[in-house]
Structures are given as C-alpha cells and as structure tokens.
C-alpha cells in the first residue's frame, strides 16, 4: 500500500500541515496516513489519505478520535466525546 510519489506530493501541497484540528506541524515532517486502515479495506487514494504528525497519528490509532473525508480535502474529526471539528485543506481544491 505504498503511496505513489506523485500522490504523496499532491497530498503535501493539499494538506501543508498535520490535518488534526489545531496542529500546525509541517506535512513534510508528518506521516501520510490511511484514515480507514488499509488492512480494513481503506484505499490508497486522496479520499482516504491525509498527513498526521507522529503524535496525532498515535492519537488516531490508539484513541477514539476518528477522521472522515468530506471531499475537496476537508476532513471531519470526531472526538471521543462526540464533538466534530472540520479541517479545511491548506490549498484551494
């Protein structure tokens, strides 16, 4: 499930930073992560991939925070308490 180089670069431009609400860590210093895990049927495409810094990658993996891609690069994050936060892409999509 390796991310093709062209897609990885496009995601870096789209996201610019970690896509967790409020995080400003550079996409260049973050991981490209599957929102729906690859082993659970998640696709390796722009509608299922986003940058997460190592800290927020762990938060997503080990807590009940969950992302959902809305299209046009927007991601809705739902907290364990049920609150929703929409993160807009850095670049105009």
PDB file of N, CA and C in Angstrom:
ATOM      1  N   UNK A   1       0.819  -1.200   0.000  1.00  0.00           N
ATOM      2  CA  UNK A   1       0.000   0.000   0.000  1.00  0.00           C
ATOM      3  C   UNK A   1       0.851   1.247   0.000  1.00  0.00           C
ATOM      4  N   UNK A   2       1.989   1.185  -0.627  1.00  0.00           N
ATOM      5  CA  UNK A   2       2.868   2.342  -0.715  1.00  0.00           C
ATOM      6  C   UNK A   2       2.192   3.459  -1.518  1.00  0.00           C
ATOM      7  N   UNK A   3       2.307   4.669  -1.012  1.00  0.00           N
ATOM      8  CA  UNK A   3       1.708   5.828  -1.670  1.00  0.00           C
ATOM      9  C   UNK A   3       2.589   6.234  -2.849  1.00  0.00           C
ATOM     10  N   UNK A   4       2.029   6.291  -4.065  1.00  0.00           N
ATOM     11  CA  UNK A   4       2.816   6.719  -5.225  1.00  0.00           C
ATOM     12  C   UNK A   4       3.391   8.124  -5.006  1.00  0.00           C
ATOM     13  N   UNK A   5       4.584   8.357  -5.542  1.00  0.00           N
ATOM     14  CA  UNK A   5       5.298   9.624  -5.319  1.00  0.00           C
ATOM     15  C   UNK A   5       4.475  10.842  -5.729  1.00  0.00           C
ATOM     16  N   UNK A   6       3.809  10.792  -6.867  1.00  0.00           N
ATOM     17  CA  UNK A   6       3.022  11.946  -7.338  1.00  0.00           C
ATOM     18  C   UNK A   6       1.853  12.233  -6.391  1.00  0.00           C
ATOM     19  N   UNK A   7       1.198  11.197  -5.902  1.00  0.00           N
ATOM     20  CA  UNK A   7       0.096  11.371  -4.956  1.00  0.00           C
ATOM     21  C   UNK A   7       0.619  11.930  -3.639  1.00  0.00           C
ATOM     22  N   UNK A   8       1.750  11.423  -3.187  1.00  0.00           N
ATOM     23  CA  UNK A   8       2.333  11.903  -1.938  1.00  0.00           C
ATOM     24  C   UNK A   8       2.635  13.403  -2.020  1.00  0.00           C
ATOM     25  N   UNK A   9       3.187  13.841  -3.146  1.00  0.00           N
ATOM     26  CA  UNK A   9       3.500  15.260  -3.337  1.00  0.00           C
ATOM     27  C   UNK A   9       2.220  16.097  -3.384  1.00  0.00           C
ATOM     28  N   UNK A  10       1.185  15.603  -4.075  1.00  0.00           N
ATOM     29  CA  UNK A  10      -0.081  16.311  -4.165  1.00  0.00           C
ATOM     30  C   UNK A  10      -0.701  16.469  -2.777  1.00  0.00           C
ATOM     31  N   UNK A  11      -0.648  15.411  -1.967  1.00  0.00           N
ATOM     32  CA  UNK A  11      -1.178  15.464  -0.606  1.00  0.00           C
ATOM     33  C   UNK A  11      -0.414  16.479   0.245  1.00  0.00           C
ATOM     34  N   UNK A  12       0.890  16.566   0.033  1.00  0.00           N
ATOM     35  CA  UNK A  12       1.708  17.530   0.774  1.00  0.00           C
ATOM     36  C   UNK A  12       1.279  18.959   0.458  1.00  0.00           C
ATOM     37  N   UNK A  13       0.984  19.213  -0.820  1.00  0.00           N
ATOM     38  CA  UNK A  13       0.513  20.546  -1.227  1.00  0.00           C
ATOM     39  C   UNK A  13      -0.889  20.802  -0.658  1.00  0.00           C
ATOM     40  N   UNK A  14      -1.759  19.813  -0.762  1.00  0.00           N
ATOM     41  CA  UNK A  14      -3.133  19.966  -0.266  1.00  0.00           C
ATOM     42  C   UNK A  14      -3.161  20.216   1.236  1.00  0.00           C
ATOM     43  N   UNK A  15      -2.447  19.380   1.988  1.00  0.00           N
ATOM     44  CA  UNK A  15      -2.538  19.436   3.448  1.00  0.00           C
ATOM     45  C   UNK A  15      -1.661  20.520   4.051  1.00  0.00           C
ATOM     46  N   UNK A  16      -0.465  20.656   3.606  1.00  0.00           N
ATOM     47  CA  UNK A  16       0.538  21.604   4.093  1.00  0.00           C
ATOM     48  C   UNK A  16       0.974  21.328   5.529  1.00  0.00           C
ATOM     49  N   UNK A  17       0.038  20.901   6.390  1.00  0.00           N
ATOM     50  CA  UNK A  17       0.357  20.601   7.785  1.00  0.00           C
ATOM     51  C   UNK A  17      -0.340  19.301   8.190  1.00  0.00           C
ATOM     52  N   UNK A  18      -0.068  18.861   9.400  1.00  0.00           N
ATOM     53  CA  UNK A  18      -0.825  17.765  10.013  1.00  0.00           C
ATOM     54  C   UNK A  18      -2.302  18.157   9.958  1.00  0.00           C
ATOM     55  N   UNK A  19      -3.170  17.201   9.650  1.00  0.00           N
ATOM     56  CA  UNK A  19      -4.596  17.526   9.483  1.00  0.00           C
ATOM     57  C   UNK A  19      -5.414  17.364  10.760  1.00  0.00           C
ATOM     58  N   UNK A  20      -4.770  17.107  11.894  1.00  0.00           N
ATOM     59  CA  UNK A  20      -5.511  17.049  13.153  1.00  0.00           C
ATOM     60  C   UNK A  20      -5.904  18.479  13.544  1.00  0.00           C
ATOM     61  N   UNK A  21      -7.094  18.684  14.081  1.00  0.00           N
ATOM     62  CA  UNK A  21      -7.551  20.037  14.418  1.00  0.00           C
ATOM     63  C   UNK A  21      -6.544  20.803  15.285  1.00  0.00           C
ATOM     64  N   UNK A  22      -6.136  21.971  14.782  1.00  0.00           N
ATOM     65  CA  UNK A  22      -5.264  22.861  15.531  1.00  0.00           C
ATOM     66  C   UNK A  22      -3.773  22.587  15.408  1.00  0.00           C
ATOM     67  N   UNK A  23      -3.382  21.470  14.803  1.00  0.00           N
ATOM     68  CA  UNK A  23      -1.952  21.154  14.689  1.00  0.00           C
ATOM     69  C   UNK A  23      -1.357  21.872  13.487  1.00  0.00           C
ATOM     70  N   UNK A  24      -0.185  22.437  13.664  1.00  0.00           N
ATOM     71  CA  UNK A  24       0.472  23.190  12.584  1.00  0.00           C
ATOM     72  C   UNK A  24       1.797  22.553  12.158  1.00  0.00           C
ATOM     73  N   UNK A  25       2.064  21.324  12.580  1.00  0.00           N
ATOM     74  CA  UNK A  25       3.312  20.684  12.182  1.00  0.00           C
ATOM     75  C   UNK A  25       3.314  20.464  10.668  1.00  0.00           C
ATOM     76  N   UNK A  26       4.416  20.761  10.038  1.00  0.00           N
ATOM     77  CA  UNK A  26       4.561  20.674   8.590  1.00  0.00           C
ATOM     78  C   UNK A  26       4.237  19.274   8.063  1.00  0.00           C
ATOM     79  N   UNK A  27       3.587  19.226   6.906  1.00  0.00           N
ATOM     80  CA  UNK A  27       3.324  17.935   6.260  1.00  0.00           C
ATOM     81  C   UNK A  27       4.641  17.223   5.937  1.00  0.00           C
ATOM     82  N   UNK A  28       5.678  17.984   5.642  1.00  0.00           N
ATOM     83  CA  UNK A  28       6.983  17.378   5.346  1.00  0.00           C
ATOM     84  C   UNK A  28       7.542  16.622   6.538  1.00  0.00           C
ATOM     85  N   UNK A  29       7.086  16.972   7.745  1.00  0.00           N
ATOM     86  CA  UNK A  29       7.557  16.305   8.962  1.00  0.00           C
ATOM     87  C   UNK A  29       6.465  15.425   9.566  1.00  0.00           C
ATOM     88  N   UNK A  30       5.509  15.022   8.724  1.00  0.00           N
ATOM     89  CA  UNK A  30       4.380  14.205   9.158  1.00  0.00           C
ATOM     90  C   UNK A  30       4.269  12.953   8.301  1.00  0.00           C
ATOM     91  N   UNK A  31       3.445  12.026   8.750  1.00  0.00           N
ATOM     92  CA  UNK A  31       3.206  10.774   8.033  1.00  0.00           C
ATOM     93  C   UNK A  31       1.985  10.919   7.139  1.00  0.00           C
ATOM     94  N   UNK A  32       2.005  10.223   5.995  1.00  0.00           N
ATOM     95  CA  UNK A  32       0.792  10.089   5.195  1.00  0.00           C
ATOM     96  C   UNK A  32       0.075   8.866   5.759  1.00  0.00           C
ATOM     97  N   UNK A  33      -1.139   9.077   6.244  1.00  0.00           N
ATOM     98  CA  UNK A  33      -1.863   8.018   6.952  1.00  0.00           C
ATOM     99  C   UNK A  33      -3.183   7.694   6.258  1.00  0.00           C
ATOM    100  N   UNK A  34      -3.535   6.417   6.274  1.00  0.00           N
ATOM    101  CA  UNK A  34      -4.848   5.973   5.798  1.00  0.00           C
ATOM    102  C   UNK A  34      -5.880   6.296   6.882  1.00  0.00           C
ATOM    103  N   UNK A  35      -6.926   7.027   6.543  1.00  0.00           N
ATOM    104  CA  UNK A  35      -7.976   7.315   7.514  1.00  0.00           C
ATOM    105  C   UNK A  35      -8.736   6.046   7.866  1.00  0.00           C
ATOM    106  N   UNK A  36      -9.153   5.286   6.844  1.00  0.00           N
ATOM    107  CA  UNK A  36      -9.649   3.930   7.055  1.00  0.00           C
ATOM    108  C   UNK A  36      -8.458   3.033   6.784  1.00  0.00           C
ATOM    109  N   UNK A  37      -8.029   2.298   7.776  1.00  0.00           N
ATOM    110  CA  UNK A  37      -6.806   1.499   7.672  1.00  0.00           C
ATOM    111  C   UNK A  37      -6.831   0.584   6.449  1.00  0.00           C
ATOM    112  N   UNK A  38      -5.702   0.499   5.785  1.00  0.00           N
ATOM    113  CA  UNK A  38      -5.552  -0.318   4.586  1.00  0.00           C
ATOM    114  C   UNK A  38      -6.005  -1.755   4.839  1.00  0.00           C
ATOM    115  N   UNK A  39      -5.624  -2.316   5.975  1.00  0.00           N
ATOM    116  CA  UNK A  39      -5.975  -3.701   6.280  1.00  0.00           C
ATOM    117  C   UNK A  39      -7.470  -3.889   6.549  1.00  0.00           C
ATOM    118  N   UNK A  40      -8.198  -2.780   6.696  1.00  0.00           N
ATOM    119  CA  UNK A  40      -9.649  -2.834   6.883  1.00  0.00           C
ATOM    120  C   UNK A  40     -10.387  -2.368   5.634  1.00  0.00           C
ATOM    121  N   UNK A  41      -9.705  -2.391   4.491  1.00  0.00           N
ATOM    122  CA  UNK A  41     -10.336  -2.042   3.223  1.00  0.00           C
ATOM    123  C   UNK A  41     -10.157  -0.612   2.777  1.00  0.00           C
ATOM    124  N   UNK A  42      -9.358   0.168   3.498  1.00  0.00           N
ATOM    125  CA  UNK A  42      -9.119   1.555   3.109  1.00  0.00           C
ATOM    126  C   UNK A  42      -8.293   1.653   1.842  1.00  0.00           C
ATOM    127  N   UNK A  43      -8.688   2.533   0.963  1.00  0.00           N
ATOM    128  CA  UNK A  43      -7.990   2.734  -0.308  1.00  0.00           C
ATOM    129  C   UNK A  43      -6.776   3.639  -0.131  1.00  0.00           C
ATOM    130  N   UNK A  44      -5.791   3.456  -1.007  1.00  0.00           N
ATOM    131  CA  UNK A  44      -4.622   4.332  -1.039  1.00  0.00           C
ATOM    132  C   UNK A  44      -4.901   5.394  -2.096  1.00  0.00           C
ATOM    133  N   UNK A  45      -5.751   6.370  -1.712  1.00  0.00           N
ATOM    134  CA  UNK A  45      -6.109   7.458  -2.613  1.00  0.00           C
ATOM    135  C   UNK A  45      -6.328   8.738  -1.805  1.00  0.00           C
ATOM    136  N   UNK A  46      -6.517   9.840  -2.505  1.00  0.00           N
ATOM    137  CA  UNK A  46      -6.631  11.148  -1.844  1.00  0.00           C
ATOM    138  C   UNK A  46      -7.846  11.255  -0.933  1.00  0.00           C
ATOM    139  N   UNK A  47      -8.872  10.449  -1.163  1.00  0.00           N
ATOM    140  CA  UNK A  47     -10.069  10.489  -0.315  1.00  0.00           C
ATOM    141  C   UNK A  47      -9.915   9.653   0.951  1.00  0.00           C
ATOM    142  N   UNK A  48      -8.755   9.016   1.130  1.00  0.00           N
ATOM    143  CA  UNK A  48      -8.541   8.214   2.333  1.00  0.00           C
ATOM    144  C   UNK A  48      -7.169   8.462   2.953  1.00  0.00           C
ATOM    145  N   UNK A  49      -6.423   9.395   2.418  1.00  0.00           N
ATOM    146  CA  UNK A  49      -5.087   9.685   2.935  1.00  0.00           C
ATOM    147  C   UNK A  49      -5.010  11.126   3.412  1.00  0.00           C
ATOM    148  N   UNK A  50      -4.269  11.333   4.477  1.00  0.00           N
ATOM    149  CA  UNK A  50      -4.023  12.678   4.994  1.00  0.00           C
ATOM    150  C   UNK A  50      -2.768  12.649   5.851  1.00  0.00           C
ATOM    151  N   UNK A  51      -2.133  13.801   5.979  1.00  0.00           N
ATOM    152  CA  UNK A  51      -0.940  13.910   6.811  1.00  0.00           C
ATOM    153  C   UNK A  51      -1.297  14.002   8.288  1.00  0.00           C
ATOM    154  N   UNK A  52      -0.573  13.241   9.093  1.00  0.00           N
ATOM    155  CA  UNK A  52      -0.668  13.329  10.549  1.00  0.00           C
ATOM    156  C   UNK A  52       0.740  13.334  11.117  1.00  0.00           C
ATOM    157  N   UNK A  53       1.010  14.252  12.035  1.00  0.00           N
ATOM    158  CA  UNK A  53       2.301  14.247  12.730  1.00  0.00           C
ATOM    159  C   UNK A  53       2.365  12.961  13.564  1.00  0.00           C
ATOM    160  N   UNK A  54       3.552  12.546  13.977  1.00  0.00           N
ATOM    161  CA  UNK A  54       3.648  11.301  14.746  1.00  0.00           C
ATOM    162  C   UNK A  54       2.759  11.275  15.994  1.00  0.00           C
ATOM    163  N   UNK A  55       2.641  12.398  16.695  1.00  0.00           N
ATOM    164  CA  UNK A  55       1.810  12.431  17.899  1.00  0.00           C
ATOM    165  C   UNK A  55       0.341  12.181  17.552  1.00  0.00           C
ATOM    166  N   UNK A  56      -0.184  12.918  16.564  1.00  0.00           N
ATOM    167  CA  UNK A  56      -1.600  12.778  16.221  1.00  0.00           C
ATOM    168  C   UNK A  56      -1.890  11.481  15.468  1.00  0.00           C
ATOM    169  N   UNK A  57      -0.879  10.915  14.821  1.00  0.00           N
ATOM    170  CA  UNK A  57      -1.032   9.588  14.227  1.00  0.00           C
ATOM    171  C   UNK A  57      -1.316   8.580  15.341  1.00  0.00           C
ATOM    172  N   UNK A  58      -0.582   8.685  16.438  1.00  0.00           N
ATOM    173  CA  UNK A  58      -0.805   7.798  17.587  1.00  0.00           C
ATOM    174  C   UNK A  58      -2.169   8.068  18.228  1.00  0.00           C
ATOM    175  N   UNK A  59      -2.563   9.342  18.330  1.00  0.00           N
ATOM    176  CA  UNK A  59      -3.875   9.682  18.892  1.00  0.00           C
ATOM    177  C   UNK A  59      -4.970   9.014  18.068  1.00  0.00           C
ATOM    178  N   UNK A  60      -4.864   9.103  16.744  1.00  0.00           N
ATOM    179  CA  UNK A  60      -5.868   8.476  15.875  1.00  0.00           C
ATOM    180  C   UNK A  60      -5.869   6.960  16.032  1.00  0.00           C
ATOM    181  N   UNK A  61      -4.692   6.380  16.149  1.00  0.00           N
ATOM    182  CA  UNK A  61      -4.573   4.922  16.204  1.00  0.00           C
ATOM    183  C   UNK A  61      -4.994   4.328  17.543  1.00  0.00           C
ATOM    184  N   UNK A  62      -4.788   5.060  18.635  1.00  0.00           N
ATOM    185  CA  UNK A  62      -4.965   4.466  19.967  1.00  0.00           C
ATOM    186  C   UNK A  62      -6.055   5.103  20.824  1.00  0.00           C
ATOM    187  N   UNK A  63      -6.808   6.044  20.241  1.00  0.00           N
ATOM    188  CA  UNK A  63      -7.932   6.633  20.973  1.00  0.00           C
ATOM    189  C   UNK A  63      -9.166   6.555  20.075  1.00  0.00           C
ATOM    190  N   UNK A  64     -10.248   7.135  20.527  1.00  0.00           N
ATOM    191  CA  UNK A  64     -11.474   7.104  19.742  1.00  0.00           C
ATOM    192  C   UNK A  64     -11.660   8.347  18.871  1.00  0.00           C
ATOM    193  N   UNK A  65     -10.617   9.147  18.667  1.00  0.00           N
ATOM    194  CA  UNK A  65     -10.691  10.219  17.678  1.00  0.00           C
ATOM    195  C   UNK A  65     -10.786   9.557  16.312  1.00  0.00           C
ATOM    196  N   UNK A  66     -11.685  10.047  15.449  1.00  0.00           N
ATOM    197  CA  UNK A  66     -11.802   9.429  14.128  1.00  0.00           C
ATOM    198  C   UNK A  66     -12.015  10.480  13.039  1.00  0.00           C
ATOM    199  N   UNK A  67     -11.295  10.304  11.909  1.00  0.00           N
ATOM    200  CA  UNK A  67     -11.441  11.214  10.780  1.00  0.00           C
ATOM    201  C   UNK A  67     -12.411  10.655   9.739  1.00  0.00           C
ATOM    202  N   UNK A  68     -13.044  11.576   9.007  1.00  0.00           N
ATOM    203  CA  UNK A  68     -13.892  11.188   7.873  1.00  0.00           C
ATOM    204  C   UNK A  68     -13.690  12.230   6.786  1.00  0.00           C
ATOM    205  N   UNK A  69     -13.274  11.787   5.614  1.00  0.00           N
ATOM    206  CA  UNK A  69     -13.056  12.696   4.492  1.00  0.00           C
ATOM    207  C   UNK A  69     -14.406  13.139   3.935  1.00  0.00           C
ATOM    208  N   UNK A  70     -14.548  14.443   3.732  1.00  0.00           N
ATOM    209  CA  UNK A  70     -15.804  15.015   3.247  1.00  0.00           C
ATOM    210  C   UNK A  70     -15.746  15.392   1.775  1.00  0.00           C
ATOM    211  N   UNK A  71     -14.582  15.336   1.178  1.00  0.00           N
ATOM    212  CA  UNK A  71     -14.392  15.779  -0.203  1.00  0.00           C
ATOM    213  C   UNK A  71     -13.694  17.124  -0.229  1.00  0.00           C
ATOM    214  N   UNK A  72     -13.111  17.443  -1.354  1.00  0.00           N
ATOM    215  CA  UNK A  72     -12.385  18.707  -1.540  1.00  0.00           C
ATOM    216  C   UNK A  72     -11.301  18.933  -0.497  1.00  0.00           C
ATOM    217  N   UNK A  73     -10.766  17.850   0.067  1.00  0.00           N
ATOM    218  CA  UNK A  73      -9.688  17.964   1.043  1.00  0.00           C
ATOM    219  C   UNK A  73     -10.141  18.239   2.463  1.00  0.00           C
ATOM    220  N   UNK A  74     -11.442  18.400   2.690  1.00  0.00           N
ATOM    221  CA  UNK A  74     -11.949  18.652   4.035  1.00  0.00           C
ATOM    222  C   UNK A  74     -12.037  17.337   4.809  1.00  0.00           C
ATOM    223  N   UNK A  75     -11.698  17.404   6.099  1.00  0.00           N
ATOM    224  CA  UNK A  75     -11.761  16.230   6.966  1.00  0.00           C
ATOM    225  C   UNK A  75     -12.543  16.600   8.213  1.00  0.00           C
ATOM    226  N   UNK A  76     -13.518  15.769   8.546  1.00  0.00           N
ATOM    227  CA  UNK A  76     -14.273  15.947   9.782  1.00  0.00           C
ATOM    228  C   UNK A  76     -13.690  14.997  10.820  1.00  0.00           C
ATOM    229  N   UNK A  77     -13.221  15.570  11.917  1.00  0.00           N
ATOM    230  CA  UNK A  77     -12.706  14.786  13.041  1.00  0.00           C
ATOM    231  C   UNK A  77     -13.780  14.724  14.112  1.00  0.00           C
ATOM    232  N   UNK A  78     -14.021  13.542  14.643  1.00  0.00           N
ATOM    233  CA  UNK A  78     -14.964  13.374  15.742  1.00  0.00           C
ATOM    234  C   UNK A  78     -14.185  12.954  16.980  1.00  0.00           C
ATOM    235  N   UNK A  79     -14.400  13.697  18.065  1.00  0.00           N
ATOM    236  CA  UNK A  79     -13.693  13.430  19.320  1.00  0.00           C
ATOM    237  C   UNK A  79     -14.353  12.274  20.056  1.00  0.00           C
ATOM    238  N   UNK A  80     -13.667  11.713  21.058  1.00  0.00           N
ATOM    239  CA  UNK A  80     -14.285  10.654  21.867  1.00  0.00           C
ATOM    240  C   UNK A  80     -15.579  11.106  22.540  1.00  0.00           C
ATOM    241  N   UNK A  81     -15.732  12.408  22.795  1.00  0.00           N
ATOM    242  CA  UNK A  81     -16.941  12.937  23.418  1.00  0.00           C
ATOM    243  C   UNK A  81     -18.056  13.205  22.403  1.00  0.00           C
ATOM    244  N   UNK A  82     -17.753  12.993  21.112  1.00  0.00           N
ATOM    245  CA  UNK A  82     -18.769  13.171  20.080  1.00  0.00           C
ATOM    246  C   UNK A  82     -18.785  14.532  19.415  1.00  0.00           C
ATOM    247  N   UNK A  83     -17.854  15.420  19.761  1.00  0.00           N
ATOM    248  CA  UNK A  83     -17.775  16.726  19.121  1.00  0.00           C
ATOM    249  C   UNK A  83     -17.113  16.589  17.757  1.00  0.00           C
ATOM    250  N   UNK A  84     -17.551  17.393  16.797  1.00  0.00           N
ATOM    251  CA  UNK A  84     -16.987  17.359  15.441  1.00  0.00           C
ATOM    252  C   UNK A  84     -16.214  18.633  15.138  1.00  0.00           C
ATOM    253  N   UNK A  85     -15.118  18.466  14.417  1.00  0.00           N
ATOM    254  CA  UNK A  85     -14.266  19.569  14.006  1.00  0.00           C
ATOM    255  C   UNK A  85     -13.945  19.352  12.532  1.00  0.00           C
ATOM    256  N   UNK A  86     -14.176  20.356  11.716  1.00  0.00           N
ATOM    257  CA  UNK A  86     -13.870  20.234  10.293  1.00  0.00           C
ATOM    258  C   UNK A  86     -12.587  20.987  10.007  1.00  0.00           C
ATOM    259  N   UNK A  87     -11.651  20.270   9.390  1.00  0.00           N
ATOM    260  CA  UNK A  87     -10.365  20.840   8.994  1.00  0.00           C
ATOM    261  C   UNK A  87     -10.393  21.071   7.499  1.00  0.00           C
ATOM    262  N   UNK A  88     -10.131  22.306   7.108  1.00  0.00           N
ATOM    263  CA  UNK A  88     -10.111  22.680   5.698  1.00  0.00           C
ATOM    264  C   UNK A  88      -8.718  22.457   5.114  1.00  0.00           C
ATOM    265  N   UNK A  89      -8.613  22.135   3.827  1.00  0.00           N
ATOM    266  CA  UNK A  89      -7.291  21.971   3.231  1.00  0.00           C
ATOM    267  C   UNK A  89      -6.564  23.309   3.163  1.00  0.00           C
ATOM    268  N   UNK A  90      -5.255  23.244   3.168  1.00  0.00           N
ATOM    269  CA  UNK A  90      -4.472  24.483   3.069  1.00  0.00           C
ATOM    270  C   UNK A  90      -4.560  25.084   1.679  1.00  0.00           C
ATOM    271  N   UNK A  91      -4.565  24.227   0.664  1.00  0.00           N
ATOM    272  CA  UNK A  91      -4.616  24.691  -0.721  1.00  0.00           C
ATOM    273  C   UNK A  91      -6.058  24.688  -1.216  1.00  0.00           C
ATOM    274  N   UNK A  92      -6.388  25.625  -2.099  1.00  0.00           N
ATOM    275  CA  UNK A  92      -7.729  25.618  -2.707  1.00  0.00           C
ATOM    276  C   UNK A  92      -7.851  24.390  -3.588  1.00  0.00           C
ATOM    277  N   UNK A  93      -8.871  23.617  -3.338  1.00  0.00           N
ATOM    278  CA  UNK A  93      -9.092  22.392  -4.090  1.00  0.00           C
ATOM    279  C   UNK A  93     -10.203  22.685  -5.052  1.00  0.00           C
TER     280      UNK A  93
END
